[in-house]
Amino acid sequence: TRGADLKVRGVLDGLEQTIREDPR
């Protein structure tokens, strides 16, 4: 029932880290 929220949490963390490592 929290699947989308758990997924968004992980994706946001991954997105932040990815673009901080290669900022444009």
PDB file of all heavy atoms in Angstrom:
ATOM      1  N   THR A   1       0.822  -1.208   0.000  1.00  0.00           N
ATOM      2  CA  THR A   1       0.000   0.000   0.000  1.00  0.00           C
ATOM      3  C   THR A   1       0.856   1.257   0.000  1.00  0.00           C
ATOM      4  O   THR A   1       0.380   2.333  -0.363  1.00  0.00           O
ATOM      5  CB  THR A   1      -0.935   0.025   1.229  1.00  0.00           C
ATOM      6  OG1 THR A   1      -0.164  -0.166   2.412  1.00  0.00           O
ATOM      7  CG2 THR A   1      -1.979  -1.061   1.130  1.00  0.00           C
ATOM      8  N   ARG A   2       2.101   1.123   0.425  1.00  0.00           N
ATOM      9  CA  ARG A   2       3.043   2.245   0.395  1.00  0.00           C
ATOM     10  C   ARG A   2       4.021   2.102  -0.764  1.00  0.00           C
ATOM     11  O   ARG A   2       5.030   2.795  -0.819  1.00  0.00           O
ATOM     12  CB  ARG A   2       3.863   2.280   1.689  1.00  0.00           C
ATOM     13  CG  ARG A   2       3.117   2.757   2.931  1.00  0.00           C
ATOM     14  CD  ARG A   2       4.152   3.022   4.015  1.00  0.00           C
ATOM     15  NE  ARG A   2       3.551   3.565   5.212  1.00  0.00           N
ATOM     16  CZ  ARG A   2       3.393   2.882   6.348  1.00  0.00           C
ATOM     17  NH1 ARG A   2       3.790   1.632   6.411  1.00  0.00           N
ATOM     18  NH2 ARG A   2       2.848   3.445   7.398  1.00  0.00           N
ATOM     19  N   GLY A   3       3.756   1.189  -1.677  1.00  0.00           N
ATOM     20  CA  GLY A   3       4.735   0.857  -2.705  1.00  0.00           C
ATOM     21  C   GLY A   3       5.236   2.048  -3.483  1.00  0.00           C
ATOM     22  O   GLY A   3       6.438   2.214  -3.688  1.00  0.00           O
ATOM     23  N   ALA A   4       4.301   2.900  -3.947  1.00  0.00           N
ATOM     24  CA  ALA A   4       4.713   4.059  -4.744  1.00  0.00           C
ATOM     25  C   ALA A   4       5.585   5.000  -3.927  1.00  0.00           C
ATOM     26  O   ALA A   4       6.562   5.559  -4.431  1.00  0.00           O
ATOM     27  CB  ALA A   4       3.483   4.791  -5.269  1.00  0.00           C
ATOM     28  N   ASP A   5       5.249   5.180  -2.660  1.00  0.00           N
ATOM     29  CA  ASP A   5       6.009   6.103  -1.813  1.00  0.00           C
ATOM     30  C   ASP A   5       7.409   5.562  -1.525  1.00  0.00           C
ATOM     31  O   ASP A   5       8.392   6.308  -1.558  1.00  0.00           O
ATOM     32  CB  ASP A   5       5.254   6.346  -0.503  1.00  0.00           C
ATOM     33  CG  ASP A   5       3.844   6.841  -0.743  1.00  0.00           C
ATOM     34  OD1 ASP A   5       3.673   7.742  -1.576  1.00  0.00           O
ATOM     35  OD2 ASP A   5       2.908   6.321  -0.114  1.00  0.00           O
ATOM     36  N   LEU A   6       7.502   4.261  -1.221  1.00  0.00           N
ATOM     37  CA  LEU A   6       8.817   3.659  -1.010  1.00  0.00           C
ATOM     38  C   LEU A   6       9.666   3.754  -2.267  1.00  0.00           C
ATOM     39  O   LEU A   6      10.871   4.012  -2.220  1.00  0.00           O
ATOM     40  CB  LEU A   6       8.656   2.195  -0.600  1.00  0.00           C
ATOM     41  CG  LEU A   6       8.042   1.931   0.784  1.00  0.00           C
ATOM     42  CD1 LEU A   6       7.754   0.450   0.965  1.00  0.00           C
ATOM     43  CD2 LEU A   6       8.963   2.435   1.892  1.00  0.00           C
ATOM     44  N   LYS A   7       9.022   3.558  -3.419  1.00  0.00           N
ATOM     45  CA  LYS A   7       9.747   3.628  -4.679  1.00  0.00           C
ATOM     46  C   LYS A   7      10.207   5.050  -4.982  1.00  0.00           C
ATOM     47  O   LYS A   7      11.344   5.281  -5.401  1.00  0.00           O
ATOM     48  CB  LYS A   7       8.854   3.087  -5.807  1.00  0.00           C
ATOM     49  CG  LYS A   7       9.602   2.780  -7.083  1.00  0.00           C
ATOM     50  CD  LYS A   7       8.760   1.933  -7.987  1.00  0.00           C
ATOM     51  CE  LYS A   7       8.642   0.542  -7.450  1.00  0.00           C
ATOM     52  NZ  LYS A   7       9.942  -0.179  -7.448  1.00  0.00           N
ATOM     53  N   VAL A   8       9.329   6.023  -4.759  1.00  0.00           N
ATOM     54  CA  VAL A   8       9.689   7.422  -4.990  1.00  0.00           C
ATOM     55  C   VAL A   8      10.845   7.833  -4.100  1.00  0.00           C
ATOM     56  O   VAL A   8      11.775   8.521  -4.539  1.00  0.00           O
ATOM     57  CB  VAL A   8       8.474   8.338  -4.747  1.00  0.00           C
ATOM     58  CG1 VAL A   8       8.911   9.794  -4.646  1.00  0.00           C
ATOM     59  CG2 VAL A   8       7.462   8.187  -5.877  1.00  0.00           C
ATOM     60  N   ARG A   9      10.804   7.396  -2.849  1.00  0.00           N
ATOM     61  CA  ARG A   9      11.888   7.729  -1.920  1.00  0.00           C
ATOM     62  C   ARG A   9      13.225   7.249  -2.461  1.00  0.00           C
ATOM     63  O   ARG A   9      14.209   7.990  -2.508  1.00  0.00           O
ATOM     64  CB  ARG A   9      11.585   7.109  -0.553  1.00  0.00           C
ATOM     65  CG  ARG A   9      12.615   7.363   0.537  1.00  0.00           C
ATOM     66  CD  ARG A   9      13.657   6.283   0.596  1.00  0.00           C
ATOM     67  NE  ARG A   9      13.030   4.989   0.716  1.00  0.00           N
ATOM     68  CZ  ARG A   9      13.591   3.864   0.322  1.00  0.00           C
ATOM     69  NH1 ARG A   9      14.789   3.893  -0.242  1.00  0.00           N
ATOM     70  NH2 ARG A   9      12.978   2.713   0.449  1.00  0.00           N
ATOM     71  N   GLY A  10      13.295   5.988  -2.907  1.00  0.00           N
ATOM     72  CA  GLY A  10      14.543   5.455  -3.436  1.00  0.00           C
ATOM     73  C   GLY A  10      14.975   6.126  -4.725  1.00  0.00           C
ATOM     74  O   GLY A  10      16.158   6.397  -4.934  1.00  0.00           O
ATOM     75  N   VAL A  11      14.009   6.415  -5.583  1.00  0.00           N
ATOM     76  CA  VAL A  11      14.324   7.054  -6.866  1.00  0.00           C
ATOM     77  C   VAL A  11      14.829   8.474  -6.656  1.00  0.00           C
ATOM     78  O   VAL A  11      15.791   8.916  -7.302  1.00  0.00           O
ATOM     79  CB  VAL A  11      13.087   7.044  -7.793  1.00  0.00           C
ATOM     80  CG1 VAL A  11      13.301   7.965  -8.988  1.00  0.00           C
ATOM     81  CG2 VAL A  11      12.814   5.618  -8.268  1.00  0.00           C
ATOM     82  N   LEU A  12      14.205   9.222  -5.751  1.00  0.00           N
ATOM     83  CA  LEU A  12      14.659  10.584  -5.488  1.00  0.00           C
ATOM     84  C   LEU A  12      16.081  10.598  -4.932  1.00  0.00           C
ATOM     85  O   LEU A  12      16.902  11.438  -5.317  1.00  0.00           O
ATOM     86  CB  LEU A  12      13.713  11.288  -4.516  1.00  0.00           C
ATOM     87  CG  LEU A  12      12.327  11.654  -5.048  1.00  0.00           C
ATOM     88  CD1 LEU A  12      11.522  12.357  -3.958  1.00  0.00           C
ATOM     89  CD2 LEU A  12      12.420  12.535  -6.283  1.00  0.00           C
ATOM     90  N   ASP A  13      16.369   9.659  -4.021  1.00  0.00           N
ATOM     91  CA  ASP A  13      17.731   9.576  -3.486  1.00  0.00           C
ATOM     92  C   ASP A  13      18.729   9.260  -4.597  1.00  0.00           C
ATOM     93  O   ASP A  13      19.811   9.847  -4.668  1.00  0.00           O
ATOM     94  CB  ASP A  13      17.813   8.499  -2.395  1.00  0.00           C
ATOM     95  CG  ASP A  13      17.083   8.899  -1.123  1.00  0.00           C
ATOM     96  OD1 ASP A  13      16.785  10.099  -0.972  1.00  0.00           O
ATOM     97  OD2 ASP A  13      16.803   8.018  -0.293  1.00  0.00           O
ATOM     98  N   GLY A  14      18.352   8.322  -5.471  1.00  0.00           N
ATOM     99  CA  GLY A  14      19.237   7.966  -6.574  1.00  0.00           C
ATOM    100  C   GLY A  14      19.406   9.098  -7.570  1.00  0.00           C
ATOM    101  O   GLY A  14      20.506   9.341  -8.084  1.00  0.00           O
ATOM    102  N   LEU A  15      18.321   9.817  -7.847  1.00  0.00           N
ATOM    103  CA  LEU A  15      18.383  10.951  -8.783  1.00  0.00           C
ATOM    104  C   LEU A  15      19.278  12.053  -8.236  1.00  0.00           C
ATOM    105  O   LEU A  15      20.125  12.602  -8.960  1.00  0.00           O
ATOM    106  CB  LEU A  15      16.968  11.487  -9.017  1.00  0.00           C
ATOM    107  CG  LEU A  15      16.848  12.737  -9.888  1.00  0.00           C
ATOM    108  CD1 LEU A  15      17.447  12.502 -11.271  1.00  0.00           C
ATOM    109  CD2 LEU A  15      15.385  13.169  -9.986  1.00  0.00           C
ATOM    110  N   GLU A  16      19.114  12.356  -6.965  1.00  0.00           N
ATOM    111  CA  GLU A  16      19.950  13.405  -6.365  1.00  0.00           C
ATOM    112  C   GLU A  16      21.428  13.032  -6.431  1.00  0.00           C
ATOM    113  O   GLU A  16      22.270  13.849  -6.829  1.00  0.00           O
ATOM    114  CB  GLU A  16      19.540  13.628  -4.918  1.00  0.00           C
ATOM    115  CG  GLU A  16      20.390  14.691  -4.225  1.00  0.00           C
ATOM    116  CD  GLU A  16      20.003  14.900  -2.772  1.00  0.00           C
ATOM    117  OE1 GLU A  16      19.265  14.060  -2.219  1.00  0.00           O
ATOM    118  OE2 GLU A  16      20.448  15.904  -2.187  1.00  0.00           O
ATOM    119  N   GLN A  17      21.740  11.810  -6.064  1.00  0.00           N
ATOM    120  CA  GLN A  17      23.146  11.402  -6.064  1.00  0.00           C
ATOM    121  C   GLN A  17      23.726  11.401  -7.475  1.00  0.00           C
ATOM    122  O   GLN A  17      24.859  11.839  -7.699  1.00  0.00           O
ATOM    123  CB  GLN A  17      23.274  10.010  -5.445  1.00  0.00           C
ATOM    124  CG  GLN A  17      24.702   9.517  -5.408  1.00  0.00           C
ATOM    125  CD  GLN A  17      24.812   8.170  -4.740  1.00  0.00           C
ATOM    126  OE1 GLN A  17      23.858   7.675  -4.165  1.00  0.00           O
ATOM    127  NE2 GLN A  17      25.977   7.561  -4.825  1.00  0.00           N
ATOM    128  N   THR A  18      22.934  10.926  -8.438  1.00  0.00           N
ATOM    129  CA  THR A  18      23.408  10.827  -9.817  1.00  0.00           C
ATOM    130  C   THR A  18      23.772  12.192 -10.397  1.00  0.00           C
ATOM    131  O   THR A  18      24.832  12.365 -11.005  1.00  0.00           O
ATOM    132  CB  THR A  18      22.337  10.157 -10.702  1.00  0.00           C
ATOM    133  OG1 THR A  18      22.092   8.823 -10.215  1.00  0.00           O
ATOM    134  CG2 THR A  18      22.794  10.074 -12.149  1.00  0.00           C
ATOM    135  N   ILE A  19      22.903  13.174 -10.200  1.00  0.00           N
ATOM    136  CA  ILE A  19      23.184  14.478 -10.809  1.00  0.00           C
ATOM    137  C   ILE A  19      24.200  15.274  -9.996  1.00  0.00           C
ATOM    138  O   ILE A  19      24.876  16.151 -10.545  1.00  0.00           O
ATOM    139  CB  ILE A  19      21.892  15.290 -11.036  1.00  0.00           C
ATOM    140  CG1 ILE A  19      21.182  15.594  -9.724  1.00  0.00           C
ATOM    141  CG2 ILE A  19      20.963  14.560 -11.985  1.00  0.00           C
ATOM    142  CD1 ILE A  19      19.911  16.417  -9.922  1.00  0.00           C
ATOM    143  N   ARG A  20      24.348  14.979  -8.726  1.00  0.00           N
ATOM    144  CA  ARG A  20      25.403  15.654  -7.950  1.00  0.00           C
ATOM    145  C   ARG A  20      26.775  15.142  -8.371  1.00  0.00           C
ATOM    146  O   ARG A  20      27.760  15.885  -8.333  1.00  0.00           O
ATOM    147  CB  ARG A  20      25.197  15.434  -6.452  1.00  0.00           C
ATOM    148  CG  ARG A  20      24.051  16.252  -5.845  1.00  0.00           C
ATOM    149  CD  ARG A  20      24.093  16.228  -4.334  1.00  0.00           C
ATOM    150  NE  ARG A  20      22.966  16.920  -3.747  1.00  0.00           N
ATOM    151  CZ  ARG A  20      22.847  18.249  -3.612  1.00  0.00           C
ATOM    152  NH1 ARG A  20      23.844  19.032  -4.042  1.00  0.00           N
ATOM    153  NH2 ARG A  20      21.787  18.792  -3.056  1.00  0.00           N
ATOM    154  N   GLU A  21      26.837  13.870  -8.776  1.00  0.00           N
ATOM    155  CA  GLU A  21      28.112  13.316  -9.225  1.00  0.00           C
ATOM    156  C   GLU A  21      28.486  13.808 -10.614  1.00  0.00           C
ATOM    157  O   GLU A  21      29.661  13.802 -10.982  1.00  0.00           O
ATOM    158  CB  GLU A  21      28.029  11.777  -9.215  1.00  0.00           C
ATOM    159  CG  GLU A  21      27.967  11.170  -7.817  1.00  0.00           C
ATOM    160  CD  GLU A  21      27.786   9.670  -7.854  1.00  0.00           C
ATOM    161  OE1 GLU A  21      27.536   9.132  -8.965  1.00  0.00           O
ATOM    162  OE2 GLU A  21      27.898   9.025  -6.794  1.00  0.00           O
ATOM    163  N   ASP A  22      27.489  14.236 -11.381  1.00  0.00           N
ATOM    164  CA  ASP A  22      27.754  14.721 -12.740  1.00  0.00           C
ATOM    165  C   ASP A  22      26.876  15.951 -13.013  1.00  0.00           C
ATOM    166  O   ASP A  22      25.957  15.914 -13.827  1.00  0.00           O
ATOM    167  CB  ASP A  22      27.451  13.611 -13.745  1.00  0.00           C
ATOM    168  CG  ASP A  22      27.839  14.004 -15.174  1.00  0.00           C
ATOM    169  OD1 ASP A  22      28.555  15.010 -15.349  1.00  0.00           O
ATOM    170  OD2 ASP A  22      27.402  13.301 -16.113  1.00  0.00           O
ATOM    171  N   PRO A  23      27.146  17.051 -12.315  1.00  0.00           N
ATOM    172  CA  PRO A  23      26.293  18.240 -12.449  1.00  0.00           C
ATOM    173  C   PRO A  23      26.404  18.875 -13.834  1.00  0.00           C
ATOM    174  O   PRO A  23      27.468  18.886 -14.440  1.00  0.00           O
ATOM    175  CB  PRO A  23      26.817  19.176 -11.360  1.00  0.00           C
ATOM    176  CG  PRO A  23      28.246  18.752 -11.153  1.00  0.00           C
ATOM    177  CD  PRO A  23      28.268  17.278 -11.376  1.00  0.00           C
ATOM    178  N   ARG A  24      25.281  19.368 -14.330  1.00  0.00           N
ATOM    179  CA  ARG A  24      25.222  20.067 -15.617  1.00  0.00           C
ATOM    180  C   ARG A  24      24.352  21.314 -15.450  1.00  0.00           C
ATOM    181  O   ARG A  24      23.667  21.487 -14.433  1.00  0.00           O
ATOM    182  CB  ARG A  24      24.605  19.164 -16.695  1.00  0.00           C
ATOM    183  CG  ARG A  24      25.331  17.853 -16.928  1.00  0.00           C
ATOM    184  CD  ARG A  24      26.625  18.031 -17.687  1.00  0.00           C
ATOM    185  NE  ARG A  24      27.325  16.759 -17.865  1.00  0.00           N
ATOM    186  CZ  ARG A  24      27.100  15.928 -18.865  1.00  0.00           C
ATOM    187  NH1 ARG A  24      26.193  16.220 -19.801  1.00  0.00           N
ATOM    188  NH2 ARG A  24      27.776  14.802 -18.955  1.00  0.00           N
TER     189      ARG A  24
END
